[in-house]
Amino acid sequence: MPDLLTNSCAATLFHGVSAEARAALVTTLAKQQAKRTCVLLVTDPRRAQELATEAETYAQWLAPKVILEVLHFPEVPPPDIDATR
């Protein structure tokens, strides 16, 4: 896929991407940003974990030798979380 980000200093907004294509797009964009941190905000927190898993899977298909670390930070902590941590 060609470089989707022409200006590496500016933030880029992608909208209207179908649910089926989001993981592929997110993974491709993240792989283009070598040694940088990428943040993805989603409107539906329930979809965030699913998208993180899909992106991780797609990254393995795309380049199995290159590790893409995907971290999911839920907006609302799960009810069983230990509050003393």
PDB file of N, CA and C in Angstrom:
ATOM      1  N   MET A   1       0.847  -1.169   0.000  1.00  0.00           N
ATOM      2  CA  MET A   1       0.000   0.000   0.000  1.00  0.00           C
ATOM      3  C   MET A   1       0.896   1.237   0.000  1.00  0.00           C
ATOM      4  N   PRO A   2       0.585   2.251  -0.787  1.00  0.00           N
ATOM      5  CA  PRO A   2       1.410   3.448  -0.815  1.00  0.00           C
ATOM      6  C   PRO A   2       1.337   4.195   0.510  1.00  0.00           C
ATOM      7  N   ASP A   3       2.305   5.092   0.701  1.00  0.00           N
ATOM      8  CA  ASP A   3       2.339   5.892   1.920  1.00  0.00           C
ATOM      9  C   ASP A   3       1.079   6.740   2.008  1.00  0.00           C
ATOM     10  N   LEU A   4       0.301   6.548   3.055  1.00  0.00           N
ATOM     11  CA  LEU A   4      -0.963   7.264   3.215  1.00  0.00           C
ATOM     12  C   LEU A   4      -0.791   8.584   3.945  1.00  0.00           C
ATOM     13  N   LEU A   5       0.378   8.784   4.530  1.00  0.00           N
ATOM     14  CA  LEU A   5       0.631  10.012   5.272  1.00  0.00           C
ATOM     15  C   LEU A   5       1.734  10.796   4.575  1.00  0.00           C
ATOM     16  N   THR A   6       1.378  11.879   3.929  1.00  0.00           N
ATOM     17  CA  THR A   6       2.371  12.652   3.190  1.00  0.00           C
ATOM     18  C   THR A   6       3.117  13.627   4.081  1.00  0.00           C
ATOM     19  N   ASN A   7       2.511  14.111   5.147  1.00  0.00           N
ATOM     20  CA  ASN A   7       3.146  15.035   6.067  1.00  0.00           C
ATOM     21  C   ASN A   7       3.255  14.351   7.419  1.00  0.00           C
ATOM     22  N   SER A   8       4.463  13.949   7.797  1.00  0.00           N
ATOM     23  CA  SER A   8       4.633  13.169   9.025  1.00  0.00           C
ATOM     24  C   SER A   8       4.471  13.999  10.295  1.00  0.00           C
ATOM     25  N   CYS A   9       4.409  15.319  10.184  1.00  0.00           N
ATOM     26  CA  CYS A   9       4.282  16.167  11.374  1.00  0.00           C
ATOM     27  C   CYS A   9       2.834  16.503  11.705  1.00  0.00           C
ATOM     28  N   ALA A  10       1.949  16.326  10.788  1.00  0.00           N
ATOM     29  CA  ALA A  10       0.557  16.718  10.997  1.00  0.00           C
ATOM     30  C   ALA A  10      -0.303  15.511  11.346  1.00  0.00           C
ATOM     31  N   ALA A  11      -1.355  15.769  12.084  1.00  0.00           N
ATOM     32  CA  ALA A  11      -2.328  14.719  12.375  1.00  0.00           C
ATOM     33  C   ALA A  11      -3.203  14.522  11.147  1.00  0.00           C
ATOM     34  N   THR A  12      -3.615  13.303  10.916  1.00  0.00           N
ATOM     35  CA  THR A  12      -4.446  12.989   9.762  1.00  0.00           C
ATOM     36  C   THR A  12      -5.721  12.321  10.247  1.00  0.00           C
ATOM     37  N   LEU A  13      -6.842  12.751   9.714  1.00  0.00           N
ATOM     38  CA  LEU A  13      -8.136  12.184  10.077  1.00  0.00           C
ATOM     39  C   LEU A  13      -8.659  11.361   8.909  1.00  0.00           C
ATOM     40  N   PHE A  14      -8.959  10.105   9.178  1.00  0.00           N
ATOM     41  CA  PHE A  14      -9.593   9.241   8.191  1.00  0.00           C
ATOM     42  C   PHE A  14     -11.006   8.979   8.687  1.00  0.00           C
ATOM     43  N   HIS A  15     -11.996   9.253   7.873  1.00  0.00           N
ATOM     44  CA  HIS A  15     -13.376   8.992   8.279  1.00  0.00           C
ATOM     45  C   HIS A  15     -14.109   8.305   7.143  1.00  0.00           C
ATOM     46  N   GLY A  16     -15.169   7.597   7.490  1.00  0.00           N
ATOM     47  CA  GLY A  16     -15.934   6.881   6.485  1.00  0.00           C
ATOM     48  C   GLY A  16     -15.336   5.540   6.104  1.00  0.00           C
ATOM     49  N   VAL A  17     -14.378   5.054   6.889  1.00  0.00           N
ATOM     50  CA  VAL A  17     -13.757   3.758   6.610  1.00  0.00           C
ATOM     51  C   VAL A  17     -14.699   2.671   7.117  1.00  0.00           C
ATOM     52  N   SER A  18     -14.988   1.697   6.277  1.00  0.00           N
ATOM     53  CA  SER A  18     -15.915   0.635   6.680  1.00  0.00           C
ATOM     54  C   SER A  18     -15.327  -0.175   7.834  1.00  0.00           C
ATOM     55  N   ALA A  19     -16.194  -0.761   8.634  1.00  0.00           N
ATOM     56  CA  ALA A  19     -15.762  -1.541   9.795  1.00  0.00           C
ATOM     57  C   ALA A  19     -14.829  -2.680   9.386  1.00  0.00           C
ATOM     58  N   GLU A  20     -15.089  -3.273   8.243  1.00  0.00           N
ATOM     59  CA  GLU A  20     -14.278  -4.398   7.779  1.00  0.00           C
ATOM     60  C   GLU A  20     -12.871  -3.967   7.385  1.00  0.00           C
ATOM     61  N   ALA A  21     -12.686  -2.718   6.984  1.00  0.00           N
ATOM     62  CA  ALA A  21     -11.385  -2.240   6.508  1.00  0.00           C
ATOM     63  C   ALA A  21     -10.571  -1.537   7.588  1.00  0.00           C
ATOM     64  N   ARG A  22     -11.153  -1.267   8.733  1.00  0.00           N
ATOM     65  CA  ARG A  22     -10.462  -0.470   9.757  1.00  0.00           C
ATOM     66  C   ARG A  22      -9.179  -1.120  10.263  1.00  0.00           C
ATOM     67  N   ALA A  23      -9.213  -2.396  10.561  1.00  0.00           N
ATOM     68  CA  ALA A  23      -8.010  -3.057  11.085  1.00  0.00           C
ATOM     69  C   ALA A  23      -6.879  -3.014  10.067  1.00  0.00           C
ATOM     70  N   ALA A  24      -7.199  -3.248   8.809  1.00  0.00           N
ATOM     71  CA  ALA A  24      -6.176  -3.200   7.761  1.00  0.00           C
ATOM     72  C   ALA A  24      -5.596  -1.797   7.635  1.00  0.00           C
ATOM     73  N   LEU A  25      -6.443  -0.786   7.650  1.00  0.00           N
ATOM     74  CA  LEU A  25      -5.979   0.597   7.534  1.00  0.00           C
ATOM     75  C   LEU A  25      -5.138   0.990   8.743  1.00  0.00           C
ATOM     76  N   VAL A  26      -5.611   0.681   9.938  1.00  0.00           N
ATOM     77  CA  VAL A  26      -4.890   1.033  11.161  1.00  0.00           C
ATOM     78  C   VAL A  26      -3.519   0.366  11.181  1.00  0.00           C
ATOM     79  N   THR A  27      -3.460  -0.898  10.835  1.00  0.00           N
ATOM     80  CA  THR A  27      -2.195  -1.630  10.840  1.00  0.00           C
ATOM     81  C   THR A  27      -1.233  -1.064   9.811  1.00  0.00           C
ATOM     82  N   THR A  28      -1.720  -0.780   8.622  1.00  0.00           N
ATOM     83  CA  THR A  28      -0.871  -0.218   7.574  1.00  0.00           C
ATOM     84  C   THR A  28      -0.318   1.134   7.991  1.00  0.00           C
ATOM     85  N   LEU A  29      -1.151   1.976   8.548  1.00  0.00           N
ATOM     86  CA  LEU A  29      -0.692   3.288   9.009  1.00  0.00           C
ATOM     87  C   LEU A  29       0.333   3.157  10.131  1.00  0.00           C
ATOM     88  N   ALA A  30       0.092   2.263  11.070  1.00  0.00           N
ATOM     89  CA  ALA A  30       1.020   2.077  12.186  1.00  0.00           C
ATOM     90  C   ALA A  30       2.370   1.567  11.699  1.00  0.00           C
ATOM     91  N   LYS A  31       2.366   0.666  10.738  1.00  0.00           N
ATOM     92  CA  LYS A  31       3.623   0.124  10.212  1.00  0.00           C
ATOM     93  C   LYS A  31       4.416   1.187   9.457  1.00  0.00           C
ATOM     94  N   GLN A  32       3.737   2.184   8.881  1.00  0.00           N
ATOM     95  CA  GLN A  32       4.424   3.259   8.165  1.00  0.00           C
ATOM     96  C   GLN A  32       5.101   4.229   9.126  1.00  0.00           C
ATOM     97  N   GLN A  33       4.703   4.219  10.376  1.00  0.00           N
ATOM     98  CA  GLN A  33       5.240   5.141  11.374  1.00  0.00           C
ATOM     99  C   GLN A  33       6.298   4.431  12.214  1.00  0.00           C
ATOM    100  N   ALA A  34       7.424   4.116  11.613  1.00  0.00           N
ATOM    101  CA  ALA A  34       8.480   3.394  12.317  1.00  0.00           C
ATOM    102  C   ALA A  34       8.955   4.188  13.533  1.00  0.00           C
ATOM    103  N   LYS A  35       9.092   3.495  14.651  1.00  0.00           N
ATOM    104  CA  LYS A  35       9.592   4.052  15.909  1.00  0.00           C
ATOM    105  C   LYS A  35       8.766   5.228  16.411  1.00  0.00           C
ATOM    106  N   ARG A  36       7.497   5.208  16.149  1.00  0.00           N
ATOM    107  CA  ARG A  36       6.601   6.244  16.656  1.00  0.00           C
ATOM    108  C   ARG A  36       5.404   5.572  17.302  1.00  0.00           C
ATOM    109  N   THR A  37       4.735   6.317  18.135  1.00  0.00           N
ATOM    110  CA  THR A  37       3.535   5.814  18.787  1.00  0.00           C
ATOM    111  C   THR A  37       2.321   6.305  18.030  1.00  0.00           C
ATOM    112  N   CYS A  38       1.405   5.414  17.751  1.00  0.00           N
ATOM    113  CA  CYS A  38       0.162   5.761  17.067  1.00  0.00           C
ATOM    114  C   CYS A  38      -0.987   5.562  18.044  1.00  0.00           C
ATOM    115  N   VAL A  39      -1.921   6.486  18.030  1.00  0.00           N
ATOM    116  CA  VAL A  39      -3.081   6.416  18.913  1.00  0.00           C
ATOM    117  C   VAL A  39      -4.328   6.367  18.051  1.00  0.00           C
ATOM    118  N   LEU A  40      -5.204   5.446  18.376  1.00  0.00           N
ATOM    119  CA  LEU A  40      -6.471   5.312  17.663  1.00  0.00           C
ATOM    120  C   LEU A  40      -7.601   5.517  18.656  1.00  0.00           C
ATOM    121  N   LEU A  41      -8.451   6.476  18.376  1.00  0.00           N
ATOM    122  CA  LEU A  41      -9.623   6.732  19.211  1.00  0.00           C
ATOM    123  C   LEU A  41     -10.845   6.209  18.484  1.00  0.00           C
ATOM    124  N   VAL A  42     -11.683   5.509  19.202  1.00  0.00           N
ATOM    125  CA  VAL A  42     -12.903   4.976  18.595  1.00  0.00           C
ATOM    126  C   VAL A  42     -14.118   5.540  19.317  1.00  0.00           C
ATOM    127  N   THR A  43     -15.204   5.701  18.580  1.00  0.00           N
ATOM    128  CA  THR A  43     -16.412   6.272  19.174  1.00  0.00           C
ATOM    129  C   THR A  43     -17.151   5.271  20.046  1.00  0.00           C
ATOM    130  N   ASP A  44     -17.023   4.000  19.740  1.00  0.00           N
ATOM    131  CA  ASP A  44     -17.717   2.964  20.504  1.00  0.00           C
ATOM    132  C   ASP A  44     -16.694   2.171  21.312  1.00  0.00           C
ATOM    133  N   PRO A  45     -16.606   2.384  22.633  1.00  0.00           N
ATOM    134  CA  PRO A  45     -15.607   1.681  23.435  1.00  0.00           C
ATOM    135  C   PRO A  45     -15.719   0.165  23.355  1.00  0.00           C
ATOM    136  N   ARG A  46     -16.916  -0.351  23.109  1.00  0.00           N
ATOM    137  CA  ARG A  46     -17.077  -1.808  22.996  1.00  0.00           C
ATOM    138  C   ARG A  46     -16.357  -2.339  21.763  1.00  0.00           C
ATOM    139  N   ARG A  47     -16.166  -1.517  20.770  1.00  0.00           N
ATOM    140  CA  ARG A  47     -15.501  -1.929  19.532  1.00  0.00           C
ATOM    141  C   ARG A  47     -13.977  -1.854  19.649  1.00  0.00           C
ATOM    142  N   ALA A  48     -13.467  -1.129  20.640  1.00  0.00           N
ATOM    143  CA  ALA A  48     -12.028  -0.900  20.753  1.00  0.00           C
ATOM    144  C   ALA A  48     -11.237  -2.194  20.929  1.00  0.00           C
ATOM    145  N   GLN A  49     -11.669  -3.068  21.836  1.00  0.00           N
ATOM    146  CA  GLN A  49     -10.948  -4.322  22.056  1.00  0.00           C
ATOM    147  C   GLN A  49     -10.969  -5.193  20.809  1.00  0.00           C
ATOM    148  N   GLU A  50     -12.102  -5.260  20.158  1.00  0.00           N
ATOM    149  CA  GLU A  50     -12.224  -6.047  18.929  1.00  0.00           C
ATOM    150  C   GLU A  50     -11.288  -5.507  17.846  1.00  0.00           C
ATOM    151  N   LEU A  51     -11.244  -4.190  17.691  1.00  0.00           N
ATOM    152  CA  LEU A  51     -10.379  -3.575  16.688  1.00  0.00           C
ATOM    153  C   LEU A  51      -8.906  -3.799  17.019  1.00  0.00           C
ATOM    154  N   ALA A  52      -8.547  -3.730  18.297  1.00  0.00           N
ATOM    155  CA  ALA A  52      -7.165  -3.981  18.704  1.00  0.00           C
ATOM    156  C   ALA A  52      -6.750  -5.410  18.358  1.00  0.00           C
ATOM    157  N   THR A  53      -7.624  -6.363  18.607  1.00  0.00           N
ATOM    158  CA  THR A  53      -7.342  -7.763  18.285  1.00  0.00           C
ATOM    159  C   THR A  53      -7.219  -7.967  16.779  1.00  0.00           C
ATOM    160  N   GLU A  54      -8.116  -7.364  16.020  1.00  0.00           N
ATOM    161  CA  GLU A  54      -8.065  -7.474  14.560  1.00  0.00           C
ATOM    162  C   GLU A  54      -6.782  -6.855  14.004  1.00  0.00           C
ATOM    163  N   ALA A  55      -6.379  -5.713  14.539  1.00  0.00           N
ATOM    164  CA  ALA A  55      -5.160  -5.049  14.065  1.00  0.00           C
ATOM    165  C   ALA A  55      -3.933  -5.901  14.354  1.00  0.00           C
ATOM    166  N   GLU A  56      -3.891  -6.502  15.521  1.00  0.00           N
ATOM    167  CA  GLU A  56      -2.779  -7.377  15.879  1.00  0.00           C
ATOM    168  C   GLU A  56      -2.718  -8.594  14.950  1.00  0.00           C
ATOM    169  N   THR A  57      -3.864  -9.175  14.653  1.00  0.00           N
ATOM    170  CA  THR A  57      -3.931 -10.321  13.741  1.00  0.00           C
ATOM    171  C   THR A  57      -3.504  -9.920  12.338  1.00  0.00           C
ATOM    172  N   TYR A  58      -3.999  -8.803  11.862  1.00  0.00           N
ATOM    173  CA  TYR A  58      -3.643  -8.335  10.523  1.00  0.00           C
ATOM    174  C   TYR A  58      -2.143  -8.050  10.434  1.00  0.00           C
ATOM    175  N   ALA A  59      -1.567  -7.502  11.501  1.00  0.00           N
ATOM    176  CA  ALA A  59      -0.129  -7.222  11.512  1.00  0.00           C
ATOM    177  C   ALA A  59       0.673  -8.509  11.370  1.00  0.00           C
ATOM    178  N   GLN A  60       0.213  -9.581  12.004  1.00  0.00           N
ATOM    179  CA  GLN A  60       0.893 -10.868  11.881  1.00  0.00           C
ATOM    180  C   GLN A  60       0.808 -11.416  10.463  1.00  0.00           C
ATOM    181  N   TRP A  61      -0.323 -11.217   9.805  1.00  0.00           N
ATOM    182  CA  TRP A  61      -0.466 -11.669   8.420  1.00  0.00           C
ATOM    183  C   TRP A  61       0.416 -10.850   7.493  1.00  0.00           C
ATOM    184  N   LEU A  62       0.488  -9.550   7.754  1.00  0.00           N
ATOM    185  CA  LEU A  62       1.222  -8.638   6.882  1.00  0.00           C
ATOM    186  C   LEU A  62       2.727  -8.859   6.964  1.00  0.00           C
ATOM    187  N   ALA A  63       3.250  -8.952   8.171  1.00  0.00           N
ATOM    188  CA  ALA A  63       4.692  -9.122   8.369  1.00  0.00           C
ATOM    189  C   ALA A  63       4.919  -9.893   9.665  1.00  0.00           C
ATOM    190  N   PRO A  64       4.945 -11.215   9.594  1.00  0.00           N
ATOM    191  CA  PRO A  64       5.052 -12.033  10.808  1.00  0.00           C
ATOM    192  C   PRO A  64       6.313 -11.772  11.635  1.00  0.00           C
ATOM    193  N   LYS A  65       7.392 -11.305  10.995  1.00  0.00           N
ATOM    194  CA  LYS A  65       8.644 -11.094  11.722  1.00  0.00           C
ATOM    195  C   LYS A  65       8.700  -9.735  12.418  1.00  0.00           C
ATOM    196  N   VAL A  66       7.803  -8.835  12.059  1.00  0.00           N
ATOM    197  CA  VAL A  66       7.771  -7.501  12.663  1.00  0.00           C
ATOM    198  C   VAL A  66       6.638  -7.459  13.682  1.00  0.00           C
ATOM    199  N   ILE A  67       6.984  -7.140  14.908  1.00  0.00           N
ATOM    200  CA  ILE A  67       5.980  -7.136  15.975  1.00  0.00           C
ATOM    201  C   ILE A  67       5.352  -5.752  16.095  1.00  0.00           C
ATOM    202  N   LEU A  68       4.049  -5.725  16.061  1.00  0.00           N
ATOM    203  CA  LEU A  68       3.290  -4.499  16.290  1.00  0.00           C
ATOM    204  C   LEU A  68       2.597  -4.663  17.634  1.00  0.00           C
ATOM    205  N   GLU A  69       3.010  -3.871  18.607  1.00  0.00           N
ATOM    206  CA  GLU A  69       2.414  -3.974  19.940  1.00  0.00           C
ATOM    207  C   GLU A  69       1.133  -3.152  19.978  1.00  0.00           C
ATOM    208  N   VAL A  70       0.041  -3.813  20.260  1.00  0.00           N
ATOM    209  CA  VAL A  70      -1.264  -3.157  20.322  1.00  0.00           C
ATOM    210  C   VAL A  70      -1.744  -3.194  21.763  1.00  0.00           C
ATOM    211  N   LEU A  71      -1.985  -2.025  22.323  1.00  0.00           N
ATOM    212  CA  LEU A  71      -2.457  -1.919  23.700  1.00  0.00           C
ATOM    213  C   LEU A  71      -3.859  -1.339  23.703  1.00  0.00           C
ATOM    214  N   HIS A  72      -4.708  -1.906  24.515  1.00  0.00           N
ATOM    215  CA  HIS A  72      -6.101  -1.458  24.608  1.00  0.00           C
ATOM    216  C   HIS A  72      -6.299  -0.819  25.977  1.00  0.00           C
ATOM    217  N   PHE A  73      -6.722   0.429  25.986  1.00  0.00           N
ATOM    218  CA  PHE A  73      -7.004   1.134  27.233  1.00  0.00           C
ATOM    219  C   PHE A  73      -8.487   1.459  27.266  1.00  0.00           C
ATOM    220  N   PRO A  74      -9.272   0.673  27.989  1.00  0.00           N
ATOM    221  CA  PRO A  74     -10.714   0.922  28.020  1.00  0.00           C
ATOM    222  C   PRO A  74     -11.033   2.222  28.753  1.00  0.00           C
ATOM    223  N   GLU A  75     -12.051   2.890  28.265  1.00  0.00           N
ATOM    224  CA  GLU A  75     -12.478   4.149  28.880  1.00  0.00           C
ATOM    225  C   GLU A  75     -13.067   3.903  30.261  1.00  0.00           C
ATOM    226  N   VAL A  76     -13.816   2.855  30.393  1.00  0.00           N
ATOM    227  CA  VAL A  76     -14.434   2.505  31.667  1.00  0.00           C
ATOM    228  C   VAL A  76     -13.773   1.220  32.160  1.00  0.00           C
ATOM    229  N   PRO A  77     -13.169   1.241  33.360  1.00  0.00           N
ATOM    230  CA  PRO A  77     -12.528   0.023  33.845  1.00  0.00           C
ATOM    231  C   PRO A  77     -13.543  -1.094  34.056  1.00  0.00           C
ATOM    232  N   PRO A  78     -13.127  -2.331  33.858  1.00  0.00           N
ATOM    233  CA  PRO A  78     -14.035  -3.451  34.083  1.00  0.00           C
ATOM    234  C   PRO A  78     -14.454  -3.514  35.547  1.00  0.00           C
ATOM    235  N   PRO A  79     -15.633  -4.049  35.843  1.00  0.00           N
ATOM    236  CA  PRO A  79     -16.135  -4.067  37.224  1.00  0.00           C
ATOM    237  C   PRO A  79     -15.306  -4.931  38.168  1.00  0.00           C
ATOM    238  N   ASP A  80     -14.560  -5.888  37.637  1.00  0.00           N
ATOM    239  CA  ASP A  80     -13.790  -6.779  38.504  1.00  0.00           C
ATOM    240  C   ASP A  80     -12.344  -6.321  38.716  1.00  0.00           C
ATOM    241  N   ILE A  81     -12.014  -5.101  38.304  1.00  0.00           N
ATOM    242  CA  ILE A  81     -10.638  -4.624  38.450  1.00  0.00           C
ATOM    243  C   ILE A  81     -10.324  -4.357  39.925  1.00  0.00           C
ATOM    244  N   ASP A  82      -9.096  -4.630  40.302  1.00  0.00           N
ATOM    245  CA  ASP A  82      -8.666  -4.417  41.680  1.00  0.00           C
ATOM    246  C   ASP A  82      -8.392  -2.925  41.884  1.00  0.00           C
ATOM    247  N   ALA A  83      -9.197  -2.268  42.681  1.00  0.00           N
ATOM    248  CA  ALA A  83      -9.084  -0.822  42.893  1.00  0.00           C
ATOM    249  C   ALA A  83      -7.843  -0.438  43.685  1.00  0.00           C
ATOM    250  N   THR A  84      -7.198  -1.389  44.358  1.00  0.00           N
ATOM    251  CA  THR A  84      -6.019  -1.064  45.159  1.00  0.00           C
ATOM    252  C   THR A  84      -4.739  -1.053  44.341  1.00  0.00           C
ATOM    253  N   ARG A  85      -4.801  -1.437  43.076  1.00  0.00           N
ATOM    254  CA  ARG A  85      -3.583  -1.444  42.254  1.00  0.00           C
ATOM    255  C   ARG A  85      -3.189  -0.058  41.880  1.00  0.00           C
TER     256      ARG A  85
END
